[in-house]
Amino acid sequence: MNSSKLEATLVVIKPDGIEKSLTGNIISRLSETQLKIMGAKVCSVSRELAESHYRHLKDKPFFGELIQYIMGEFHTKRVMALVYYGQNAIERIREVAGATNPEEATPYSLRGSYGRITTKGVFENVVHASSCKEDAEREIKLWFKADEITGVDLFPVKTVSTQCEMKVWA
């Protein structure tokens, strides 16, 4: 393991994880990696975000159900997205998350402990974890604005001035 490899990774606690009230357990288990959380938010997943996130699976027969799943059409409509940062972050998070298929995941991993496969064959695997550095960068940029990441510029940024309408606290 290369101890100097600082990197960021995206974790999404999926709708089934939120609905089963596993958020605290998942974050607690991920904290054992001693990585830093650099961004976190609870959000609804739009069709555009879902299709962009899973674009590499577009030709798979389960793509439609996967999009419905991550958008919360089978469970709650919310997910929690987190950016973790530190040495070998991708590998360390994926080790805790376990194999994508809950039946192949080690029993002590998040997916092995909490995941299942539905009768329709959809993997309800509780969390998403970036699989490589390139995917992590693409996914983090999809899920987070640059100013939602604290403490470090993970990727090159620029400052722009805009005239936009936004909600503010009254």
N, C-alpha and C. Protein backbone atom coordinates (compact mmCIF):
# COMPACT_ATOMS: atom_id res chain seq x y z
N MET A 1 0.85 -1.18 0.00
CA MET A 1 0.00 0.00 0.00
C MET A 1 0.89 1.23 0.00
N ASN A 2 0.64 2.16 -0.93
CA ASN A 2 1.41 3.39 -1.05
C ASN A 2 0.86 4.42 -0.07
N SER A 3 1.59 4.68 0.99
CA SER A 3 1.10 5.54 2.06
C SER A 3 1.04 7.01 1.67
N SER A 4 1.63 7.40 0.54
CA SER A 4 1.62 8.81 0.16
C SER A 4 0.51 9.14 -0.84
N LYS A 5 -0.35 8.19 -1.14
CA LYS A 5 -1.39 8.38 -2.15
C LYS A 5 -2.63 9.04 -1.54
N LEU A 6 -2.64 10.38 -1.49
CA LEU A 6 -3.81 11.10 -1.00
C LEU A 6 -4.83 11.17 -2.11
N GLU A 7 -6.06 10.82 -1.80
CA GLU A 7 -7.11 10.84 -2.81
C GLU A 7 -8.47 11.03 -2.15
N ALA A 8 -9.43 11.37 -2.98
CA ALA A 8 -10.80 11.55 -2.52
C ALA A 8 -11.67 10.46 -3.13
N THR A 9 -12.77 10.16 -2.46
CA THR A 9 -13.72 9.19 -2.98
C THR A 9 -15.13 9.60 -2.58
N LEU A 10 -16.08 9.18 -3.39
CA LEU A 10 -17.48 9.47 -3.11
C LEU A 10 -18.14 8.25 -2.49
N VAL A 11 -18.92 8.49 -1.45
CA VAL A 11 -19.78 7.47 -0.85
C VAL A 11 -21.20 8.01 -0.90
N VAL A 12 -22.13 7.18 -1.35
CA VAL A 12 -23.54 7.56 -1.32
C VAL A 12 -24.27 6.51 -0.49
N ILE A 13 -24.90 6.96 0.58
CA ILE A 13 -25.78 6.06 1.34
C ILE A 13 -27.10 6.08 0.58
N LYS A 14 -27.42 4.94 0.00
CA LYS A 14 -28.54 4.83 -0.93
C LYS A 14 -29.89 4.84 -0.21
N PRO A 15 -30.98 4.98 -0.98
CA PRO A 15 -32.31 5.08 -0.35
C PRO A 15 -32.65 3.95 0.61
N ASP A 16 -32.23 2.72 0.32
CA ASP A 16 -32.54 1.62 1.25
C ASP A 16 -31.77 1.78 2.56
N GLY A 17 -30.56 2.31 2.49
CA GLY A 17 -29.79 2.56 3.71
C GLY A 17 -30.42 3.65 4.56
N ILE A 18 -30.95 4.69 3.90
CA ILE A 18 -31.63 5.77 4.62
C ILE A 18 -32.92 5.24 5.24
N GLU A 19 -33.70 4.50 4.45
CA GLU A 19 -34.99 4.00 4.95
C GLU A 19 -34.83 3.04 6.12
N LYS A 20 -33.75 2.27 6.11
CA LYS A 20 -33.50 1.31 7.20
C LYS A 20 -32.80 1.98 8.40
N SER A 21 -32.66 3.30 8.36
CA SER A 21 -32.01 4.07 9.44
C SER A 21 -30.59 3.58 9.72
N LEU A 22 -29.84 3.31 8.65
CA LEU A 22 -28.47 2.81 8.79
C LEU A 22 -27.41 3.90 8.67
N THR A 23 -27.83 5.13 8.47
CA THR A 23 -26.87 6.21 8.24
C THR A 23 -25.81 6.29 9.34
N GLY A 24 -26.23 6.29 10.59
CA GLY A 24 -25.28 6.36 11.70
C GLY A 24 -24.34 5.18 11.74
N ASN A 25 -24.89 3.97 11.55
CA ASN A 25 -24.06 2.77 11.54
C ASN A 25 -23.04 2.81 10.41
N ILE A 26 -23.49 3.24 9.23
CA ILE A 26 -22.59 3.28 8.07
C ILE A 26 -21.47 4.29 8.30
N ILE A 27 -21.82 5.49 8.74
CA ILE A 27 -20.79 6.51 8.98
C ILE A 27 -19.84 6.07 10.08
N SER A 28 -20.36 5.42 11.10
CA SER A 28 -19.51 4.91 12.18
C SER A 28 -18.51 3.88 11.65
N ARG A 29 -18.99 2.95 10.83
CA ARG A 29 -18.09 1.94 10.26
C ARG A 29 -17.06 2.59 9.34
N LEU A 30 -17.49 3.56 8.54
CA LEU A 30 -16.55 4.24 7.64
C LEU A 30 -15.53 5.06 8.42
N SER A 31 -15.90 5.54 9.60
CA SER A 31 -14.96 6.34 10.41
C SER A 31 -13.77 5.50 10.88
N GLU A 32 -13.93 4.20 10.90
CA GLU A 32 -12.83 3.32 11.29
C GLU A 32 -11.66 3.40 10.31
N THR A 33 -11.91 3.92 9.09
CA THR A 33 -10.83 4.10 8.12
C THR A 33 -9.93 5.27 8.49
N GLN A 34 -10.38 6.13 9.40
CA GLN A 34 -9.68 7.34 9.82
C GLN A 34 -9.47 8.33 8.68
N LEU A 35 -10.33 8.25 7.65
CA LEU A 35 -10.31 9.23 6.58
C LEU A 35 -11.12 10.45 7.02
N LYS A 36 -10.92 11.57 6.35
CA LYS A 36 -11.63 12.80 6.70
C LYS A 36 -12.84 12.98 5.79
N ILE A 37 -13.95 13.40 6.38
CA ILE A 37 -15.11 13.79 5.58
C ILE A 37 -14.90 15.24 5.15
N MET A 38 -14.89 15.47 3.85
CA MET A 38 -14.65 16.81 3.31
C MET A 38 -15.92 17.44 2.76
N GLY A 39 -16.97 16.64 2.61
CA GLY A 39 -18.25 17.14 2.13
C GLY A 39 -19.33 16.14 2.49
N ALA A 40 -20.51 16.65 2.82
CA ALA A 40 -21.63 15.77 3.15
C ALA A 40 -22.93 16.51 2.91
N LYS A 41 -23.91 15.81 2.36
CA LYS A 41 -25.23 16.41 2.19
C LYS A 41 -26.27 15.33 1.97
N VAL A 42 -27.50 15.67 2.35
CA VAL A 42 -28.65 14.83 2.08
C VAL A 42 -29.36 15.47 0.91
N CYS A 43 -29.71 14.66 -0.09
CA CYS A 43 -30.35 15.23 -1.27
C CYS A 43 -31.27 14.22 -1.94
N SER A 44 -32.11 14.72 -2.82
CA SER A 44 -32.91 13.88 -3.70
C SER A 44 -32.13 13.72 -4.99
N VAL A 45 -32.28 12.58 -5.64
CA VAL A 45 -31.53 12.30 -6.86
C VAL A 45 -32.45 12.51 -8.06
N SER A 46 -32.07 13.44 -8.92
CA SER A 46 -32.83 13.69 -10.15
C SER A 46 -32.54 12.59 -11.16
N ARG A 47 -33.40 12.46 -12.14
CA ARG A 47 -33.15 11.48 -13.21
C ARG A 47 -31.84 11.81 -13.92
N GLU A 48 -31.58 13.09 -14.16
CA GLU A 48 -30.35 13.51 -14.84
C GLU A 48 -29.11 13.08 -14.05
N LEU A 49 -29.12 13.31 -12.74
CA LEU A 49 -27.98 12.91 -11.91
C LEU A 49 -27.84 11.39 -11.90
N ALA A 50 -28.94 10.68 -11.75
CA ALA A 50 -28.90 9.21 -11.72
C ALA A 50 -28.33 8.65 -13.01
N GLU A 51 -28.81 9.15 -14.14
CA GLU A 51 -28.35 8.64 -15.44
C GLU A 51 -26.90 9.01 -15.70
N SER A 52 -26.48 10.19 -15.27
CA SER A 52 -25.07 10.58 -15.42
C SER A 52 -24.17 9.72 -14.53
N HIS A 53 -24.61 9.49 -13.30
CA HIS A 53 -23.82 8.69 -12.36
C HIS A 53 -23.63 7.26 -12.87
N TYR A 54 -24.69 6.67 -13.38
CA TYR A 54 -24.64 5.27 -13.82
C TYR A 54 -24.53 5.13 -15.34
N ARG A 55 -23.98 6.13 -16.02
CA ARG A 55 -23.90 6.10 -17.49
C ARG A 55 -23.17 4.87 -18.03
N HIS A 56 -22.22 4.36 -17.29
CA HIS A 56 -21.45 3.19 -17.73
C HIS A 56 -22.30 1.91 -17.75
N LEU A 57 -23.49 1.95 -17.16
CA LEU A 57 -24.38 0.79 -17.12
C LEU A 57 -25.60 0.97 -18.02
N LYS A 58 -25.58 1.99 -18.86
CA LYS A 58 -26.75 2.35 -19.68
C LYS A 58 -27.28 1.20 -20.53
N ASP A 59 -26.42 0.34 -21.03
CA ASP A 59 -26.85 -0.74 -21.91
C ASP A 59 -27.24 -2.02 -21.17
N LYS A 60 -27.18 -2.01 -19.86
CA LYS A 60 -27.53 -3.19 -19.07
C LYS A 60 -29.05 -3.31 -18.95
N PRO A 61 -29.57 -4.55 -18.91
CA PRO A 61 -31.03 -4.73 -18.83
C PRO A 61 -31.65 -4.18 -17.55
N PHE A 62 -30.87 -4.02 -16.50
CA PHE A 62 -31.38 -3.54 -15.22
C PHE A 62 -31.26 -2.02 -15.05
N PHE A 63 -30.81 -1.31 -16.09
CA PHE A 63 -30.54 0.13 -15.98
C PHE A 63 -31.77 0.91 -15.49
N GLY A 64 -32.93 0.65 -16.06
CA GLY A 64 -34.14 1.37 -15.67
C GLY A 64 -34.48 1.19 -14.20
N GLU A 65 -34.40 -0.04 -13.72
CA GLU A 65 -34.69 -0.30 -12.30
C GLU A 65 -33.62 0.32 -11.40
N LEU A 66 -32.38 0.33 -11.85
CA LEU A 66 -31.30 0.95 -11.08
C LEU A 66 -31.56 2.45 -10.92
N ILE A 67 -31.99 3.09 -11.99
CA ILE A 67 -32.29 4.52 -11.94
C ILE A 67 -33.46 4.78 -10.98
N GLN A 68 -34.51 3.96 -11.08
CA GLN A 68 -35.64 4.09 -10.16
C GLN A 68 -35.19 3.91 -8.71
N TYR A 69 -34.32 2.92 -8.49
CA TYR A 69 -33.82 2.61 -7.14
C TYR A 69 -33.07 3.80 -6.54
N ILE A 70 -32.09 4.35 -7.28
CA ILE A 70 -31.28 5.43 -6.72
C ILE A 70 -32.08 6.72 -6.58
N MET A 71 -33.13 6.87 -7.41
CA MET A 71 -34.01 8.04 -7.29
C MET A 71 -34.99 7.90 -6.13
N GLY A 72 -35.03 6.72 -5.52
CA GLY A 72 -35.88 6.53 -4.35
C GLY A 72 -37.30 6.12 -4.65
N GLU A 73 -37.54 5.57 -5.83
CA GLU A 73 -38.90 5.18 -6.18
C GLU A 73 -39.35 3.91 -5.47
N PHE A 74 -38.42 3.16 -4.87
CA PHE A 74 -38.78 1.95 -4.13
C PHE A 74 -38.70 2.18 -2.62
N HIS A 75 -38.03 3.23 -2.21
CA HIS A 75 -37.80 3.52 -0.79
C HIS A 75 -38.03 5.00 -0.56
N THR A 76 -37.26 5.59 0.31
CA THR A 76 -37.31 7.03 0.54
C THR A 76 -36.70 7.75 -0.67
N LYS A 77 -37.04 8.99 -0.82
CA LYS A 77 -36.55 9.78 -1.96
C LYS A 77 -35.23 10.48 -1.67
N ARG A 78 -34.57 10.13 -0.58
CA ARG A 78 -33.34 10.81 -0.19
C ARG A 78 -32.14 9.86 -0.19
N VAL A 79 -30.98 10.45 -0.38
CA VAL A 79 -29.70 9.76 -0.20
C VAL A 79 -28.80 10.70 0.59
N MET A 80 -27.71 10.16 1.10
CA MET A 80 -26.68 11.00 1.72
C MET A 80 -25.40 10.80 0.95
N ALA A 81 -24.85 11.89 0.44
CA ALA A 81 -23.60 11.84 -0.32
C ALA A 81 -22.48 12.39 0.56
N LEU A 82 -21.35 11.69 0.56
CA LEU A 82 -20.20 12.08 1.37
C LEU A 82 -18.93 12.00 0.53
N VAL A 83 -18.02 12.92 0.77
CA VAL A 83 -16.70 12.87 0.16
C VAL A 83 -15.70 12.58 1.27
N TYR A 84 -14.99 11.48 1.13
CA TYR A 84 -13.92 11.12 2.07
C TYR A 84 -12.58 11.40 1.41
N TYR A 85 -11.59 11.78 2.23
CA TYR A 85 -10.28 12.16 1.72
C TYR A 85 -9.19 11.63 2.65
N GLY A 86 -8.14 11.11 2.03
CA GLY A 86 -6.99 10.65 2.81
C GLY A 86 -6.17 9.65 2.01
N GLN A 87 -5.26 9.00 2.71
CA GLN A 87 -4.37 8.04 2.07
C GLN A 87 -5.15 6.81 1.63
N ASN A 88 -5.03 6.48 0.34
CA ASN A 88 -5.67 5.29 -0.23
C ASN A 88 -7.17 5.24 0.08
N ALA A 89 -7.82 6.39 -0.01
CA ALA A 89 -9.23 6.50 0.38
C ALA A 89 -10.13 5.54 -0.39
N ILE A 90 -9.92 5.40 -1.68
CA ILE A 90 -10.80 4.55 -2.50
C ILE A 90 -10.72 3.10 -2.03
N GLU A 91 -9.52 2.58 -1.92
CA GLU A 91 -9.33 1.19 -1.49
C GLU A 91 -9.87 0.96 -0.08
N ARG A 92 -9.60 1.88 0.82
CA ARG A 92 -10.03 1.70 2.21
C ARG A 92 -11.55 1.74 2.35
N ILE A 93 -12.20 2.64 1.64
CA ILE A 93 -13.67 2.71 1.69
C ILE A 93 -14.28 1.47 1.04
N ARG A 94 -13.74 1.05 -0.09
CA ARG A 94 -14.30 -0.13 -0.78
C ARG A 94 -14.13 -1.40 0.06
N GLU A 95 -13.08 -1.47 0.83
CA GLU A 95 -12.89 -2.62 1.71
C GLU A 95 -13.99 -2.68 2.77
N VAL A 96 -14.35 -1.55 3.33
CA VAL A 96 -15.42 -1.50 4.33
C VAL A 96 -16.78 -1.73 3.67
N ALA A 97 -16.96 -1.20 2.46
CA ALA A 97 -18.24 -1.34 1.75
C ALA A 97 -18.51 -2.78 1.35
N GLY A 98 -17.49 -3.49 0.86
CA GLY A 98 -17.67 -4.87 0.42
C GLY A 98 -18.03 -4.96 -1.06
N ALA A 99 -18.15 -6.17 -1.55
CA ALA A 99 -18.47 -6.43 -2.95
C ALA A 99 -19.83 -5.83 -3.31
N THR A 100 -19.97 -5.40 -4.57
CA THR A 100 -21.22 -4.80 -5.04
C THR A 100 -22.41 -5.72 -4.83
N ASN A 101 -22.23 -7.00 -5.13
CA ASN A 101 -23.28 -7.99 -4.92
C ASN A 101 -23.30 -8.36 -3.44
N PRO A 102 -24.40 -8.06 -2.72
CA PRO A 102 -24.44 -8.35 -1.29
C PRO A 102 -24.20 -9.82 -0.94
N GLU A 103 -24.56 -10.73 -1.85
CA GLU A 103 -24.36 -12.15 -1.58
C GLU A 103 -22.89 -12.55 -1.68
N GLU A 104 -22.09 -11.74 -2.39
CA GLU A 104 -20.66 -12.02 -2.53
C GLU A 104 -19.82 -11.21 -1.53
N ALA A 105 -20.45 -10.27 -0.87
CA ALA A 105 -19.73 -9.41 0.08
C ALA A 105 -19.44 -10.17 1.37
N THR A 106 -18.30 -9.88 1.96
CA THR A 106 -17.98 -10.52 3.24
C THR A 106 -19.02 -10.11 4.27
N PRO A 107 -19.37 -11.00 5.19
CA PRO A 107 -20.44 -10.73 6.15
C PRO A 107 -20.21 -9.50 7.03
N TYR A 108 -18.96 -9.15 7.28
CA TYR A 108 -18.68 -8.00 8.14
C TYR A 108 -18.62 -6.68 7.36
N SER A 109 -18.73 -6.71 6.04
CA SER A 109 -18.75 -5.48 5.25
C SER A 109 -20.13 -4.84 5.33
N LEU A 110 -20.24 -3.59 4.91
CA LEU A 110 -21.53 -2.90 4.93
C LEU A 110 -22.55 -3.61 4.06
N ARG A 111 -22.14 -3.97 2.84
CA ARG A 111 -23.08 -4.62 1.93
C ARG A 111 -23.40 -6.04 2.37
N GLY A 112 -22.43 -6.72 2.96
CA GLY A 112 -22.68 -8.06 3.48
C GLY A 112 -23.59 -8.05 4.69
N SER A 113 -23.45 -7.03 5.52
CA SER A 113 -24.27 -6.91 6.73
C SER A 113 -25.69 -6.44 6.43
N TYR A 114 -25.83 -5.47 5.53
CA TYR A 114 -27.12 -4.79 5.37
C TYR A 114 -27.76 -4.93 3.99
N GLY A 115 -27.03 -5.42 3.00
CA GLY A 115 -27.56 -5.48 1.65
C GLY A 115 -28.41 -6.70 1.38
N ARG A 116 -29.12 -6.67 0.25
CA ARG A 116 -29.91 -7.82 -0.19
C ARG A 116 -30.13 -7.70 -1.69
N ILE A 117 -30.59 -8.78 -2.29
CA ILE A 117 -30.99 -8.78 -3.69
C ILE A 117 -32.49 -9.00 -3.72
N THR A 118 -33.22 -8.11 -4.41
CA THR A 118 -34.68 -8.24 -4.45
C THR A 118 -35.08 -9.41 -5.34
N THR A 119 -36.35 -9.76 -5.29
CA THR A 119 -36.86 -10.84 -6.14
C THR A 119 -36.75 -10.48 -7.62
N LYS A 120 -36.67 -9.18 -7.94
CA LYS A 120 -36.48 -8.73 -9.32
C LYS A 120 -35.01 -8.69 -9.71
N GLY A 121 -34.12 -9.03 -8.78
CA GLY A 121 -32.69 -9.05 -9.07
C GLY A 121 -31.97 -7.74 -8.88
N VAL A 122 -32.63 -6.75 -8.28
CA VAL A 122 -31.98 -5.46 -8.01
C VAL A 122 -31.13 -5.59 -6.76
N PHE A 123 -29.87 -5.15 -6.86
CA PHE A 123 -28.99 -5.15 -5.69
C PHE A 123 -29.36 -3.96 -4.81
N GLU A 124 -29.92 -4.21 -3.66
CA GLU A 124 -30.10 -3.16 -2.66
C GLU A 124 -28.87 -3.26 -1.75
N ASN A 125 -27.82 -2.56 -2.16
CA ASN A 125 -26.54 -2.76 -1.49
C ASN A 125 -26.12 -1.59 -0.60
N VAL A 126 -27.06 -0.79 -0.20
CA VAL A 126 -26.95 0.20 0.87
C VAL A 126 -26.03 1.38 0.55
N VAL A 127 -24.87 1.14 -0.04
CA VAL A 127 -23.93 2.24 -0.30
C VAL A 127 -23.33 2.14 -1.70
N HIS A 128 -22.96 3.29 -2.21
CA HIS A 128 -22.12 3.37 -3.41
C HIS A 128 -20.75 3.84 -2.95
N ALA A 129 -19.71 3.27 -3.53
CA ALA A 129 -18.34 3.72 -3.27
C ALA A 129 -17.60 3.78 -4.60
N SER A 130 -16.95 4.88 -4.88
CA SER A 130 -16.20 5.03 -6.14
C SER A 130 -15.23 3.88 -6.31
N SER A 131 -15.08 3.43 -7.57
CA SER A 131 -14.24 2.25 -7.82
C SER A 131 -12.80 2.57 -8.19
N CYS A 132 -12.54 3.79 -8.68
CA CYS A 132 -11.17 4.16 -9.06
C CYS A 132 -11.05 5.68 -9.01
N LYS A 133 -9.84 6.18 -9.15
CA LYS A 133 -9.57 7.61 -9.03
C LYS A 133 -10.35 8.42 -10.08
N GLU A 134 -10.40 7.92 -11.32
CA GLU A 134 -11.10 8.63 -12.38
C GLU A 134 -12.60 8.70 -12.10
N ASP A 135 -13.17 7.57 -11.66
CA ASP A 135 -14.60 7.57 -11.31
C ASP A 135 -14.87 8.49 -10.12
N ALA A 136 -13.98 8.48 -9.14
CA ALA A 136 -14.17 9.32 -7.96
C ALA A 136 -14.23 10.80 -8.36
N GLU A 137 -13.31 11.24 -9.21
CA GLU A 137 -13.32 12.64 -9.64
C GLU A 137 -14.61 12.97 -10.40
N ARG A 138 -14.98 12.12 -11.34
CA ARG A 138 -16.20 12.36 -12.12
C ARG A 138 -17.43 12.40 -11.22
N GLU A 139 -17.51 11.45 -10.29
CA GLU A 139 -18.68 11.35 -9.41
C GLU A 139 -18.75 12.51 -8.42
N ILE A 140 -17.62 12.87 -7.83
CA ILE A 140 -17.61 14.00 -6.89
C ILE A 140 -18.07 15.27 -7.59
N LYS A 141 -17.60 15.48 -8.81
CA LYS A 141 -17.99 16.68 -9.56
C LYS A 141 -19.47 16.64 -9.95
N LEU A 142 -20.04 15.46 -10.11
CA LEU A 142 -21.48 15.34 -10.38
C LEU A 142 -22.31 15.68 -9.14
N TRP A 143 -21.90 15.18 -8.00
CA TRP A 143 -22.70 15.26 -6.78
C TRP A 143 -22.47 16.53 -5.97
N PHE A 144 -21.30 17.16 -6.10
CA PHE A 144 -20.95 18.31 -5.27
C PHE A 144 -20.48 19.48 -6.11
N LYS A 145 -20.84 20.69 -5.66
CA LYS A 145 -20.25 21.90 -6.22
C LYS A 145 -18.90 22.08 -5.53
N ALA A 146 -17.98 22.78 -6.19
CA ALA A 146 -16.64 22.97 -5.63
C ALA A 146 -16.68 23.61 -4.24
N ASP A 147 -17.62 24.54 -4.02
CA ASP A 147 -17.66 25.22 -2.72
C ASP A 147 -18.36 24.41 -1.63
N GLU A 148 -18.82 23.22 -1.95
CA GLU A 148 -19.41 22.34 -0.94
C GLU A 148 -18.37 21.41 -0.32
N ILE A 149 -17.16 21.45 -0.84
CA ILE A 149 -16.05 20.65 -0.30
C ILE A 149 -15.22 21.57 0.59
N THR A 150 -14.97 21.15 1.81
CA THR A 150 -14.25 22.01 2.75
C THR A 150 -12.84 21.50 3.02
N GLY A 151 -11.95 22.42 3.31
CA GLY A 151 -10.63 22.06 3.79
C GLY A 151 -9.56 21.81 2.76
N VAL A 152 -9.94 21.52 1.52
CA VAL A 152 -8.94 21.23 0.49
C VAL A 152 -9.59 21.38 -0.88
N ASP A 153 -8.82 21.86 -1.86
CA ASP A 153 -9.30 21.84 -3.25
C ASP A 153 -8.90 20.48 -3.82
N LEU A 154 -9.88 19.61 -3.97
CA LEU A 154 -9.59 18.25 -4.45
C LEU A 154 -9.13 18.25 -5.89
N PHE A 155 -9.71 19.16 -6.68
CA PHE A 155 -9.43 19.26 -8.10
C PHE A 155 -9.27 20.75 -8.42
N PRO A 156 -8.70 21.09 -9.57
CA PRO A 156 -8.56 22.50 -9.91
C PRO A 156 -9.92 23.23 -9.87
N VAL A 157 -9.91 24.45 -9.35
CA VAL A 157 -11.14 25.25 -9.25
C VAL A 157 -10.87 26.64 -9.79
N LYS A 158 -11.95 27.34 -10.10
CA LYS A 158 -11.86 28.75 -10.46
C LYS A 158 -13.02 29.46 -9.80
N THR A 159 -12.87 30.75 -9.61
CA THR A 159 -13.92 31.56 -9.00
C THR A 159 -14.64 32.31 -10.10
N VAL A 160 -15.96 32.22 -10.10
CA VAL A 160 -16.77 32.93 -11.08
C VAL A 160 -17.82 33.76 -10.35
N SER A 161 -18.17 34.89 -10.93
CA SER A 161 -19.23 35.73 -10.38
C SER A 161 -20.48 35.50 -11.20
N THR A 162 -21.60 35.30 -10.52
CA THR A 162 -22.85 35.07 -11.23
C THR A 162 -23.96 35.90 -10.60
N GLN A 163 -24.94 36.19 -11.38
CA GLN A 163 -26.16 36.83 -10.91
C GLN A 163 -27.22 35.74 -10.95
N CYS A 164 -27.43 35.09 -9.83
CA CYS A 164 -28.40 34.00 -9.84
C CYS A 164 -29.35 34.13 -8.65
N GLU A 165 -30.51 33.57 -8.83
CA GLU A 165 -31.50 33.56 -7.77
C GLU A 165 -31.26 32.34 -6.90
N MET A 166 -31.35 32.53 -5.58
CA MET A 166 -31.17 31.39 -4.69
C MET A 166 -31.97 31.60 -3.42
N LYS A 167 -32.23 30.51 -2.73
CA LYS A 167 -32.92 30.59 -1.46
C LYS A 167 -31.94 31.00 -0.38
N VAL A 168 -32.38 31.88 0.51
CA VAL A 168 -31.58 32.27 1.66
C VAL A 168 -32.46 32.16 2.89
N TRP A 169 -31.85 32.08 4.04
CA TRP A 169 -32.61 31.99 5.28
C TRP A 169 -33.30 33.33 5.56
N ALA A 170 -34.57 33.30 5.92
CA ALA A 170 -35.34 34.53 6.20
C ALA A 170 -35.02 35.05 7.59
